[in-house]
């Protein structure tokens, strides 16, 4: 199966793996659509944090691919970033995930 190009936004091209549609249909048919949307939304924010950090630090996203397990973000020439900036780009995604976890605990009253 080959991935399909969905659209381009500036230099960023977004692709989708065909199995993503099968997985999405399965989740909707089994009544787990809300869980799928929540998961995909948190993964999108995680990857967006990587992308925004890369843009701010002199790199930029080249392509994004939607897969059944989430999303993959590929940066253009991330090897040319200095090690400290590259590390900051790498940490941006987990930092966003941690913020989402803290927000969910505070908003649901689990604390």
PDB file of N, CA and C in Angstrom:
ATOM      1  N   UNK A   1       0.838  -1.183   0.000  1.00  0.00           N
ATOM      2  CA  UNK A   1       0.000   0.000   0.000  1.00  0.00           C
ATOM      3  C   UNK A   1       0.877   1.238   0.000  1.00  0.00           C
ATOM      4  N   UNK A   2       0.530   2.173  -0.811  1.00  0.00           N
ATOM      5  CA  UNK A   2       1.296   3.413  -0.848  1.00  0.00           C
ATOM      6  C   UNK A   2       0.490   4.527  -0.204  1.00  0.00           C
ATOM      7  N   UNK A   3       1.197   5.445   0.371  1.00  0.00           N
ATOM      8  CA  UNK A   3       0.529   6.569   1.016  1.00  0.00           C
ATOM      9  C   UNK A   3      -0.026   7.520  -0.029  1.00  0.00           C
ATOM     10  N   UNK A   4      -1.034   8.256   0.355  1.00  0.00           N
ATOM     11  CA  UNK A   4      -1.691   9.204  -0.543  1.00  0.00           C
ATOM     12  C   UNK A   4      -1.444  10.626  -0.071  1.00  0.00           C
ATOM     13  N   UNK A   5      -1.164  11.499  -1.022  1.00  0.00           N
ATOM     14  CA  UNK A   5      -0.967  12.914  -0.706  1.00  0.00           C
ATOM     15  C   UNK A   5      -2.332  13.547  -0.489  1.00  0.00           C
ATOM     16  N   UNK A   6      -2.515  14.203   0.673  1.00  0.00           N
ATOM     17  CA  UNK A   6      -3.778  14.864   0.969  1.00  0.00           C
ATOM     18  C   UNK A   6      -3.763  16.324   0.531  1.00  0.00           C
ATOM     19  N   UNK A   7      -2.767  17.077   0.996  1.00  0.00           N
ATOM     20  CA  UNK A   7      -2.672  18.489   0.633  1.00  0.00           C
ATOM     21  C   UNK A   7      -1.296  19.018   0.999  1.00  0.00           C
ATOM     22  N   UNK A   8      -1.018  20.224   0.547  1.00  0.00           N
ATOM     23  CA  UNK A   8       0.221  20.914   0.899  1.00  0.00           C
ATOM     24  C   UNK A   8      -0.131  22.244   1.544  1.00  0.00           C
ATOM     25  N   UNK A   9       0.671  22.617   2.514  1.00  0.00           N
ATOM     26  CA  UNK A   9       0.490  23.883   3.208  1.00  0.00           C
ATOM     27  C   UNK A   9       1.863  24.543   3.262  1.00  0.00           C
ATOM     28  N   UNK A  10       2.128  25.425   2.323  1.00  0.00           N
ATOM     29  CA  UNK A  10       3.472  25.982   2.197  1.00  0.00           C
ATOM     30  C   UNK A  10       4.423  24.900   1.749  1.00  0.00           C
ATOM     31  N   UNK A  11       5.500  24.704   2.522  1.00  0.00           N
ATOM     32  CA  UNK A  11       6.460  23.650   2.191  1.00  0.00           C
ATOM     33  C   UNK A  11       6.100  22.310   2.815  1.00  0.00           C
ATOM     34  N   UNK A  12       5.068  22.279   3.665  1.00  0.00           N
ATOM     35  CA  UNK A  12       4.641  21.051   4.343  1.00  0.00           C
ATOM     36  C   UNK A  12       3.661  20.283   3.466  1.00  0.00           C
ATOM     37  N   UNK A  13       3.946  19.012   3.227  1.00  0.00           N
ATOM     38  CA  UNK A  13       3.045  18.142   2.486  1.00  0.00           C
ATOM     39  C   UNK A  13       2.493  17.104   3.451  1.00  0.00           C
ATOM     40  N   UNK A  14       1.175  16.907   3.430  1.00  0.00           N
ATOM     41  CA  UNK A  14       0.519  15.970   4.334  1.00  0.00           C
ATOM     42  C   UNK A  14       0.091  14.735   3.541  1.00  0.00           C
ATOM     43  N   UNK A  15       0.490  13.568   4.032  1.00  0.00           N
ATOM     44  CA  UNK A  15       0.166  12.288   3.420  1.00  0.00           C
ATOM     45  C   UNK A  15      -0.686  11.477   4.382  1.00  0.00           C
ATOM     46  N   UNK A  16      -1.367  10.455   3.853  1.00  0.00           N
ATOM     47  CA  UNK A  16      -2.123   9.542   4.702  1.00  0.00           C
ATOM     48  C   UNK A  16      -1.872   8.114   4.242  1.00  0.00           C
ATOM     49  N   UNK A  17      -1.581   7.265   5.194  1.00  0.00           N
ATOM     50  CA  UNK A  17      -1.424   5.843   4.914  1.00  0.00           C
ATOM     51  C   UNK A  17      -2.825   5.254   4.749  1.00  0.00           C
ATOM     52  N   UNK A  18      -3.065   4.406   3.725  1.00  0.00           N
ATOM     53  CA  UNK A  18      -4.404   3.866   3.484  1.00  0.00           C
ATOM     54  C   UNK A  18      -4.982   3.080   4.672  1.00  0.00           C
ATOM     55  N   UNK A  19      -4.142   2.450   5.465  1.00  0.00           N
ATOM     56  CA  UNK A  19      -4.643   1.692   6.611  1.00  0.00           C
ATOM     57  C   UNK A  19      -5.290   2.595   7.653  1.00  0.00           C
ATOM     58  N   UNK A  20      -5.001   3.894   7.599  1.00  0.00           N
ATOM     59  CA  UNK A  20      -5.609   4.843   8.521  1.00  0.00           C
ATOM     60  C   UNK A  20      -7.121   4.882   8.329  1.00  0.00           C
ATOM     61  N   UNK A  21      -7.572   4.823   7.086  1.00  0.00           N
ATOM     62  CA  UNK A  21      -9.016   4.804   6.813  1.00  0.00           C
ATOM     63  C   UNK A  21      -9.669   3.539   7.358  1.00  0.00           C
ATOM     64  N   UNK A  22      -9.004   2.416   7.199  1.00  0.00           N
ATOM     65  CA  UNK A  22      -9.544   1.149   7.702  1.00  0.00           C
ATOM     66  C   UNK A  22      -9.646   1.193   9.224  1.00  0.00           C
ATOM     67  N   UNK A  23      -8.597   1.678   9.865  1.00  0.00           N
ATOM     68  CA  UNK A  23      -8.600   1.784  11.322  1.00  0.00           C
ATOM     69  C   UNK A  23      -9.687   2.751  11.794  1.00  0.00           C
ATOM     70  N   UNK A  24      -9.808   3.894  11.134  1.00  0.00           N
ATOM     71  CA  UNK A  24     -10.832   4.866  11.504  1.00  0.00           C
ATOM     72  C   UNK A  24     -12.236   4.308  11.348  1.00  0.00           C
ATOM     73  N   UNK A  25     -12.474   3.591  10.258  1.00  0.00           N
ATOM     74  CA  UNK A  25     -13.794   2.978  10.054  1.00  0.00           C
ATOM     75  C   UNK A  25     -14.081   1.953  11.134  1.00  0.00           C
ATOM     76  N   UNK A  26     -13.091   1.152  11.477  1.00  0.00           N
ATOM     77  CA  UNK A  26     -13.268   0.155  12.539  1.00  0.00           C
ATOM     78  C   UNK A  26     -13.612   0.826  13.864  1.00  0.00           C
ATOM     79  N   UNK A  27     -12.877   1.889  14.219  1.00  0.00           N
ATOM     80  CA  UNK A  27     -13.122   2.581  15.485  1.00  0.00           C
ATOM     81  C   UNK A  27     -14.518   3.199  15.516  1.00  0.00           C
ATOM     82  N   UNK A  28     -14.958   3.761  14.389  1.00  0.00           N
ATOM     83  CA  UNK A  28     -16.304   4.346  14.340  1.00  0.00           C
ATOM     84  C   UNK A  28     -17.379   3.272  14.440  1.00  0.00           C
ATOM     85  N   UNK A  29     -17.192   2.162  13.740  1.00  0.00           N
ATOM     86  CA  UNK A  29     -18.197   1.088  13.748  1.00  0.00           C
ATOM     87  C   UNK A  29     -18.297   0.381  15.091  1.00  0.00           C
ATOM     88  N   UNK A  30     -17.224   0.368  15.855  1.00  0.00           N
ATOM     89  CA  UNK A  30     -17.256  -0.289  17.161  1.00  0.00           C
ATOM     90  C   UNK A  30     -17.595   0.678  18.289  1.00  0.00           C
ATOM     91  N   UNK A  31     -17.912   1.921  17.952  1.00  0.00           N
ATOM     92  CA  UNK A  31     -18.324   2.890  18.959  1.00  0.00           C
ATOM     93  C   UNK A  31     -17.181   3.568  19.690  1.00  0.00           C
ATOM     94  N   UNK A  32     -16.000   3.529  19.134  1.00  0.00           N
ATOM     95  CA  UNK A  32     -14.847   4.140  19.773  1.00  0.00           C
ATOM     96  C   UNK A  32     -14.352   5.387  19.022  1.00  0.00           C
ATOM     97  N   UNK A  33     -15.233   6.032  18.307  1.00  0.00           N
ATOM     98  CA  UNK A  33     -14.850   7.202  17.518  1.00  0.00           C
ATOM     99  C   UNK A  33     -14.344   8.353  18.368  1.00  0.00           C
ATOM    100  N   UNK A  34     -14.987   8.592  19.523  1.00  0.00           N
ATOM    101  CA  UNK A  34     -14.553   9.690  20.395  1.00  0.00           C
ATOM    102  C   UNK A  34     -13.156   9.434  20.940  1.00  0.00           C
ATOM    103  N   UNK A  35     -12.887   8.166  21.277  1.00  0.00           N
ATOM    104  CA  UNK A  35     -11.568   7.829  21.785  1.00  0.00           C
ATOM    105  C   UNK A  35     -10.510   8.025  20.687  1.00  0.00           C
ATOM    106  N   UNK A  36     -10.858   7.644  19.463  1.00  0.00           N
ATOM    107  CA  UNK A  36      -9.928   7.814  18.353  1.00  0.00           C
ATOM    108  C   UNK A  36      -9.646   9.293  18.106  1.00  0.00           C
ATOM    109  N   UNK A  37     -10.684  10.119  18.119  1.00  0.00           N
ATOM    110  CA  UNK A  37     -10.499  11.551  17.893  1.00  0.00           C
ATOM    111  C   UNK A  37      -9.675  12.202  18.994  1.00  0.00           C
ATOM    112  N   UNK A  38      -9.890  11.774  20.240  1.00  0.00           N
ATOM    113  CA  UNK A  38      -9.106  12.307  21.354  1.00  0.00           C
ATOM    114  C   UNK A  38      -7.639  11.930  21.215  1.00  0.00           C
ATOM    115  N   UNK A  39      -7.399  10.679  20.874  1.00  0.00           N
ATOM    116  CA  UNK A  39      -6.021  10.218  20.689  1.00  0.00           C
ATOM    117  C   UNK A  39      -5.335  10.933  19.539  1.00  0.00           C
ATOM    118  N   UNK A  40      -6.023  11.028  18.412  1.00  0.00           N
ATOM    119  CA  UNK A  40      -5.433  11.705  17.253  1.00  0.00           C
ATOM    120  C   UNK A  40      -5.211  13.188  17.538  1.00  0.00           C
ATOM    121  N   UNK A  41      -6.118  13.805  18.284  1.00  0.00           N
ATOM    122  CA  UNK A  41      -5.951  15.208  18.636  1.00  0.00           C
ATOM    123  C   UNK A  41      -4.730  15.440  19.507  1.00  0.00           C
ATOM    124  N   UNK A  42      -4.516  14.564  20.489  1.00  0.00           N
ATOM    125  CA  UNK A  42      -3.342  14.728  21.346  1.00  0.00           C
ATOM    126  C   UNK A  42      -2.057  14.459  20.570  1.00  0.00           C
ATOM    127  N   UNK A  43      -2.088  13.503  19.648  1.00  0.00           N
ATOM    128  CA  UNK A  43      -0.909  13.235  18.826  1.00  0.00           C
ATOM    129  C   UNK A  43      -0.640  14.412  17.894  1.00  0.00           C
ATOM    130  N   UNK A  44      -1.698  15.013  17.357  1.00  0.00           N
ATOM    131  CA  UNK A  44      -1.528  16.180  16.496  1.00  0.00           C
ATOM    132  C   UNK A  44      -0.870  17.330  17.261  1.00  0.00           C
ATOM    133  N   UNK A  45      -1.307  17.567  18.500  1.00  0.00           N
ATOM    134  CA  UNK A  45      -0.699  18.634  19.302  1.00  0.00           C
ATOM    135  C   UNK A  45       0.759  18.315  19.630  1.00  0.00           C
ATOM    136  N   UNK A  46       1.059  17.055  19.901  1.00  0.00           N
ATOM    137  CA  UNK A  46       2.431  16.623  20.169  1.00  0.00           C
ATOM    138  C   UNK A  46       3.327  16.926  18.959  1.00  0.00           C
ATOM    139  N   UNK A  47       2.873  16.516  17.771  1.00  0.00           N
ATOM    140  CA  UNK A  47       3.652  16.745  16.549  1.00  0.00           C
ATOM    141  C   UNK A  47       3.715  18.228  16.188  1.00  0.00           C
ATOM    142  N   UNK A  48       2.641  18.964  16.454  1.00  0.00           N
ATOM    143  CA  UNK A  48       2.645  20.404  16.188  1.00  0.00           C
ATOM    144  C   UNK A  48       3.681  21.105  17.059  1.00  0.00           C
ATOM    145  N   UNK A  49       3.866  20.633  18.296  1.00  0.00           N
ATOM    146  CA  UNK A  49       4.893  21.221  19.167  1.00  0.00           C
ATOM    147  C   UNK A  49       6.284  21.012  18.576  1.00  0.00           C
ATOM    148  N   UNK A  50       6.540  19.795  18.053  1.00  0.00           N
ATOM    149  CA  UNK A  50       7.817  19.562  17.370  1.00  0.00           C
ATOM    150  C   UNK A  50       7.986  20.535  16.199  1.00  0.00           C
ATOM    151  N   UNK A  51       6.937  20.668  15.393  1.00  0.00           N
ATOM    152  CA  UNK A  51       7.002  21.518  14.201  1.00  0.00           C
ATOM    153  C   UNK A  51       7.224  22.975  14.563  1.00  0.00           C
ATOM    154  N   UNK A  52       6.496  23.487  15.542  1.00  0.00           N
ATOM    155  CA  UNK A  52       6.647  24.893  15.933  1.00  0.00           C
ATOM    156  C   UNK A  52       8.033  25.156  16.512  1.00  0.00           C
ATOM    157  N   UNK A  53       8.548  24.210  17.287  1.00  0.00           N
ATOM    158  CA  UNK A  53       9.899  24.376  17.829  1.00  0.00           C
ATOM    159  C   UNK A  53      10.922  24.382  16.699  1.00  0.00           C
ATOM    160  N   UNK A  54      10.737  23.501  15.723  1.00  0.00           N
ATOM    161  CA  UNK A  54      11.674  23.451  14.592  1.00  0.00           C
ATOM    162  C   UNK A  54      11.644  24.750  13.799  1.00  0.00           C
ATOM    163  N   UNK A  55      10.446  25.271  13.564  1.00  0.00           N
ATOM    164  CA  UNK A  55      10.328  26.536  12.831  1.00  0.00           C
ATOM    165  C   UNK A  55      10.992  27.668  13.616  1.00  0.00           C
ATOM    166  N   UNK A  56      10.746  27.724  14.919  1.00  0.00           N
ATOM    167  CA  UNK A  56      11.314  28.786  15.751  1.00  0.00           C
ATOM    168  C   UNK A  56      12.830  28.707  15.839  1.00  0.00           C
ATOM    169  N   UNK A  57      13.379  27.498  15.710  1.00  0.00           N
ATOM    170  CA  UNK A  57      14.822  27.320  15.875  1.00  0.00           C
ATOM    171  C   UNK A  57      15.574  27.177  14.555  1.00  0.00           C
ATOM    172  N   UNK A  58      14.917  27.477  13.443  1.00  0.00           N
ATOM    173  CA  UNK A  58      15.612  27.511  12.174  1.00  0.00           C
ATOM    174  C   UNK A  58      15.429  26.311  11.273  1.00  0.00           C
ATOM    175  N   UNK A  59      14.638  25.370  11.669  1.00  0.00           N
ATOM    176  CA  UNK A  59      14.342  24.228  10.800  1.00  0.00           C
ATOM    177  C   UNK A  59      12.921  24.363  10.298  1.00  0.00           C
ATOM    178  N   UNK A  60      12.368  23.318   9.808  1.00  0.00           N
ATOM    179  CA  UNK A  60      10.984  23.377   9.385  1.00  0.00           C
ATOM    180  C   UNK A  60      10.480  22.010   9.010  1.00  0.00           C
ATOM    181  N   UNK A  61       9.184  21.794   9.164  1.00  0.00           N
ATOM    182  CA  UNK A  61       8.634  20.504   8.780  1.00  0.00           C
ATOM    183  C   UNK A  61       8.576  20.359   7.262  1.00  0.00           C
ATOM    184  N   UNK A  62       8.884  19.169   6.790  1.00  0.00           N
ATOM    185  CA  UNK A  62       8.861  18.894   5.356  1.00  0.00           C
ATOM    186  C   UNK A  62       7.607  18.117   4.995  1.00  0.00           C
ATOM    187  N   UNK A  63       7.294  17.088   5.765  1.00  0.00           N
ATOM    188  CA  UNK A  63       6.077  16.326   5.494  1.00  0.00           C
ATOM    189  C   UNK A  63       5.541  15.711   6.771  1.00  0.00           C
ATOM    190  N   UNK A  64       4.235  15.473   6.745  1.00  0.00           N
ATOM    191  CA  UNK A  64       3.540  14.839   7.850  1.00  0.00           C
ATOM    192  C   UNK A  64       2.754  13.675   7.267  1.00  0.00           C
ATOM    193  N   UNK A  65       2.757  12.551   7.971  1.00  0.00           N
ATOM    194  CA  UNK A  65       2.018  11.392   7.489  1.00  0.00           C
ATOM    195  C   UNK A  65       1.088  10.892   8.583  1.00  0.00           C
ATOM    196  N   UNK A  66      -0.199  10.778   8.244  1.00  0.00           N
ATOM    197  CA  UNK A  66      -1.184  10.208   9.147  1.00  0.00           C
ATOM    198  C   UNK A  66      -1.112   8.695   9.016  1.00  0.00           C
ATOM    199  N   UNK A  67      -0.904   8.003  10.139  1.00  0.00           N
ATOM    200  CA  UNK A  67      -0.819   6.548  10.138  1.00  0.00           C
ATOM    201  C   UNK A  67      -1.867   6.002  11.098  1.00  0.00           C
ATOM    202  N   UNK A  68      -2.133   4.694  11.061  1.00  0.00           N
ATOM    203  CA  UNK A  68      -3.113   4.135  12.005  1.00  0.00           C
ATOM    204  C   UNK A  68      -2.720   4.349  13.464  1.00  0.00           C
ATOM    205  N   UNK A  69      -1.454   4.490  13.751  1.00  0.00           N
ATOM    206  CA  UNK A  69      -1.000   4.669  15.128  1.00  0.00           C
ATOM    207  C   UNK A  69      -0.738   6.115  15.501  1.00  0.00           C
ATOM    208  N   UNK A  70      -1.018   7.036  14.609  1.00  0.00           N
ATOM    209  CA  UNK A  70      -0.809   8.441  14.912  1.00  0.00           C
ATOM    210  C   UNK A  70      -0.294   9.226  13.729  1.00  0.00           C
ATOM    211  N   UNK A  71       0.724  10.030  13.968  1.00  0.00           N
ATOM    212  CA  UNK A  71       1.289  10.875  12.920  1.00  0.00           C
ATOM    213  C   UNK A  71       2.807  10.856  12.994  1.00  0.00           C
ATOM    214  N   UNK A  72       3.421  11.021  11.852  1.00  0.00           N
ATOM    215  CA  UNK A  72       4.872  11.142  11.766  1.00  0.00           C
ATOM    216  C   UNK A  72       5.194  12.497  11.157  1.00  0.00           C
ATOM    217  N   UNK A  73       6.141  13.184  11.721  1.00  0.00           N
ATOM    218  CA  UNK A  73       6.561  14.473  11.202  1.00  0.00           C
ATOM    219  C   UNK A  73       8.018  14.350  10.779  1.00  0.00           C
ATOM    220  N   UNK A  74       8.293  14.713   9.554  1.00  0.00           N
ATOM    221  CA  UNK A  74       9.666  14.686   9.051  1.00  0.00           C
ATOM    222  C   UNK A  74      10.131  16.120   8.840  1.00  0.00           C
ATOM    223  N   UNK A  75      11.264  16.442   9.429  1.00  0.00           N
ATOM    224  CA  UNK A  75      11.821  17.785   9.300  1.00  0.00           C
ATOM    225  C   UNK A  75      12.746  17.837   8.112  1.00  0.00           C
ATOM    226  N   UNK A  76      12.831  19.011   7.503  1.00  0.00           N
ATOM    227  CA  UNK A  76      13.766  19.160   6.393  1.00  0.00           C
ATOM    228  C   UNK A  76      15.164  19.362   6.968  1.00  0.00           C
ATOM    229  N   UNK A  77      16.037  18.470   6.626  1.00  0.00           N
ATOM    230  CA  UNK A  77      17.451  18.555   6.977  1.00  0.00           C
ATOM    231  C   UNK A  77      17.675  18.831   8.464  1.00  0.00           C
ATOM    232  N   UNK A  78      17.088  17.990   9.329  1.00  0.00           N
ATOM    233  CA  UNK A  78      17.240  18.204  10.763  1.00  0.00           C
ATOM    234  C   UNK A  78      18.665  17.935  11.246  1.00  0.00           C
ATOM    235  N   UNK A  79      19.471  17.283  10.432  1.00  0.00           N
ATOM    236  CA  UNK A  79      20.858  17.015  10.796  1.00  0.00           C
ATOM    237  C   UNK A  79      21.696  18.296  10.849  1.00  0.00           C
ATOM    238  N   UNK A  80      21.269  19.330  10.140  1.00  0.00           N
ATOM    239  CA  UNK A  80      22.072  20.557  10.106  1.00  0.00           C
ATOM    240  C   UNK A  80      21.834  21.445  11.325  1.00  0.00           C
ATOM    241  N   UNK A  81      20.799  21.147  12.114  1.00  0.00           N
ATOM    242  CA  UNK A  81      20.573  21.925  13.330  1.00  0.00           C
ATOM    243  C   UNK A  81      21.665  21.622  14.345  1.00  0.00           C
ATOM    244  N   UNK A  82      22.135  22.633  15.075  1.00  0.00           N
ATOM    245  CA  UNK A  82      23.098  22.367  16.146  1.00  0.00           C
ATOM    246  C   UNK A  82      22.484  21.421  17.180  1.00  0.00           C
ATOM    247  N   UNK A  83      23.302  20.640  17.872  1.00  0.00           N
ATOM    248  CA  UNK A  83      22.782  19.632  18.805  1.00  0.00           C
ATOM    249  C   UNK A  83      21.813  20.175  19.859  1.00  0.00           C
ATOM    250  N   UNK A  84      22.089  21.347  20.403  1.00  0.00           N
ATOM    251  CA  UNK A  84      21.214  21.894  21.436  1.00  0.00           C
ATOM    252  C   UNK A  84      19.839  22.249  20.862  1.00  0.00           C
ATOM    253  N   UNK A  85      19.818  22.828  19.669  1.00  0.00           N
ATOM    254  CA  UNK A  85      18.535  23.154  19.032  1.00  0.00           C
ATOM    255  C   UNK A  85      17.778  21.895  18.644  1.00  0.00           C
ATOM    256  N   UNK A  86      18.495  20.908  18.159  1.00  0.00           N
ATOM    257  CA  UNK A  86      17.851  19.647  17.794  1.00  0.00           C
ATOM    258  C   UNK A  86      17.239  18.985  19.035  1.00  0.00           C
ATOM    259  N   UNK A  87      17.956  19.043  20.151  1.00  0.00           N
ATOM    260  CA  UNK A  87      17.447  18.496  21.404  1.00  0.00           C
ATOM    261  C   UNK A  87      16.178  19.231  21.842  1.00  0.00           C
ATOM    262  N   UNK A  88      16.154  20.551  21.665  1.00  0.00           N
ATOM    263  CA  UNK A  88      14.965  21.338  22.018  1.00  0.00           C
ATOM    264  C   UNK A  88      13.770  20.933  21.154  1.00  0.00           C
ATOM    265  N   UNK A  89      14.014  20.684  19.873  1.00  0.00           N
ATOM    266  CA  UNK A  89      12.939  20.232  18.977  1.00  0.00           C
ATOM    267  C   UNK A  89      12.438  18.860  19.420  1.00  0.00           C
ATOM    268  N   UNK A  90      13.363  17.991  19.797  1.00  0.00           N
ATOM    269  CA  UNK A  90      12.977  16.656  20.251  1.00  0.00           C
ATOM    270  C   UNK A  90      12.165  16.706  21.541  1.00  0.00           C
ATOM    271  N   UNK A  91      12.503  17.616  22.454  1.00  0.00           N
ATOM    272  CA  UNK A  91      11.794  17.709  23.732  1.00  0.00           C
ATOM    273  C   UNK A  91      10.446  18.428  23.645  1.00  0.00           C
ATOM    274  N   UNK A  92      10.226  19.174  22.586  1.00  0.00           N
ATOM    275  CA  UNK A  92       8.987  19.953  22.475  1.00  0.00           C
ATOM    276  C   UNK A  92       7.753  19.056  22.472  1.00  0.00           C
ATOM    277  N   UNK A  93       7.800  17.929  21.783  1.00  0.00           N
ATOM    278  CA  UNK A  93       6.649  17.017  21.735  1.00  0.00           C
ATOM    279  C   UNK A  93       6.315  16.421  23.093  1.00  0.00           C
ATOM    280  N   UNK A  94       7.288  15.809  23.788  1.00  0.00           N
ATOM    281  CA  UNK A  94       6.992  15.288  25.128  1.00  0.00           C
ATOM    282  C   UNK A  94       6.552  16.368  26.112  1.00  0.00           C
ATOM    283  N   UNK A  95       7.085  17.587  25.969  1.00  0.00           N
ATOM    284  CA  UNK A  95       6.649  18.679  26.846  1.00  0.00           C
ATOM    285  C   UNK A  95       5.172  18.982  26.620  1.00  0.00           C
ATOM    286  N   UNK A  96       4.742  18.977  25.353  1.00  0.00           N
ATOM    287  CA  UNK A  96       3.321  19.208  25.053  1.00  0.00           C
ATOM    288  C   UNK A  96       2.467  18.072  25.628  1.00  0.00           C
ATOM    289  N   UNK A  97       2.939  16.846  25.495  1.00  0.00           N
ATOM    290  CA  UNK A  97       2.190  15.711  26.038  1.00  0.00           C
ATOM    291  C   UNK A  97       2.064  15.830  27.556  1.00  0.00           C
ATOM    292  N   UNK A  98       3.131  16.247  28.218  1.00  0.00           N
ATOM    293  CA  UNK A  98       3.075  16.442  29.664  1.00  0.00           C
ATOM    294  C   UNK A  98       2.075  17.539  30.022  1.00  0.00           C
ATOM    295  N   UNK A  99       2.066  18.628  29.268  1.00  0.00           N
ATOM    296  CA  UNK A  99       1.089  19.696  29.512  1.00  0.00           C
ATOM    297  C   UNK A  99      -0.339  19.198  29.323  1.00  0.00           C
ATOM    298  N   UNK A 100      -0.558  18.363  28.304  1.00  0.00           N
ATOM    299  CA  UNK A 100      -1.896  17.807  28.085  1.00  0.00           C
ATOM    300  C   UNK A 100      -2.314  16.903  29.237  1.00  0.00           C
ATOM    301  N   UNK A 101      -1.369  16.126  29.770  1.00  0.00           N
ATOM    302  CA  UNK A 101      -1.666  15.261  30.920  1.00  0.00           C
ATOM    303  C   UNK A 101      -2.039  16.083  32.145  1.00  0.00           C
ATOM    304  N   UNK A 102      -1.255  17.127  32.424  1.00  0.00           N
ATOM    305  CA  UNK A 102      -1.544  17.988  33.572  1.00  0.00           C
ATOM    306  C   UNK A 102      -2.902  18.666  33.398  1.00  0.00           C
ATOM    307  N   UNK A 103      -3.179  19.156  32.192  1.00  0.00           N
ATOM    308  CA  UNK A 103      -4.464  19.812  31.945  1.00  0.00           C
ATOM    309  C   UNK A 103      -5.619  18.834  32.115  1.00  0.00           C
ATOM    310  N   UNK A 104      -5.454  17.595  31.659  1.00  0.00           N
ATOM    311  CA  UNK A 104      -6.546  16.626  31.806  1.00  0.00           C
ATOM    312  C   UNK A 104      -6.802  16.274  33.261  1.00  0.00           C
ATOM    313  N   UNK A 105      -5.734  16.174  34.051  1.00  0.00           N
ATOM    314  CA  UNK A 105      -5.903  15.898  35.491  1.00  0.00           C
ATOM    315  C   UNK A 105      -6.612  17.057  36.169  1.00  0.00           C
ATOM    316  N   UNK A 106      -6.197  18.279  35.849  1.00  0.00           N
ATOM    317  CA  UNK A 106      -6.825  19.449  36.471  1.00  0.00           C
ATOM    318  C   UNK A 106      -8.277  19.624  36.035  1.00  0.00           C
ATOM    319  N   UNK A 107      -8.558  19.371  34.766  1.00  0.00           N
ATOM    320  CA  UNK A 107      -9.906  19.585  34.248  1.00  0.00           C
ATOM    321  C   UNK A 107     -10.887  18.482  34.643  1.00  0.00           C
ATOM    322  N   UNK A 108     -10.389  17.295  34.897  1.00  0.00           N
ATOM    323  CA  UNK A 108     -11.299  16.196  35.269  1.00  0.00           C
ATOM    324  C   UNK A 108     -11.418  16.009  36.772  1.00  0.00           C
ATOM    325  N   UNK A 109     -10.576  16.689  37.543  1.00  0.00           N
ATOM    326  CA  UNK A 109     -10.657  16.578  38.986  1.00  0.00           C
ATOM    327  C   UNK A 109     -10.032  15.315  39.536  1.00  0.00           C
ATOM    328  N   UNK A 110      -9.170  14.674  38.777  1.00  0.00           N
ATOM    329  CA  UNK A 110      -8.515  13.451  39.257  1.00  0.00           C
ATOM    330  C   UNK A 110      -7.480  13.738  40.331  1.00  0.00           C
ATOM    331  N   UNK A 111      -7.080  15.017  40.445  1.00  0.00           N
ATOM    332  CA  UNK A 111      -6.037  15.381  41.390  1.00  0.00           C
ATOM    333  C   UNK A 111      -6.470  15.166  42.802  1.00  0.00           C
TER     334      UNK A 111
END
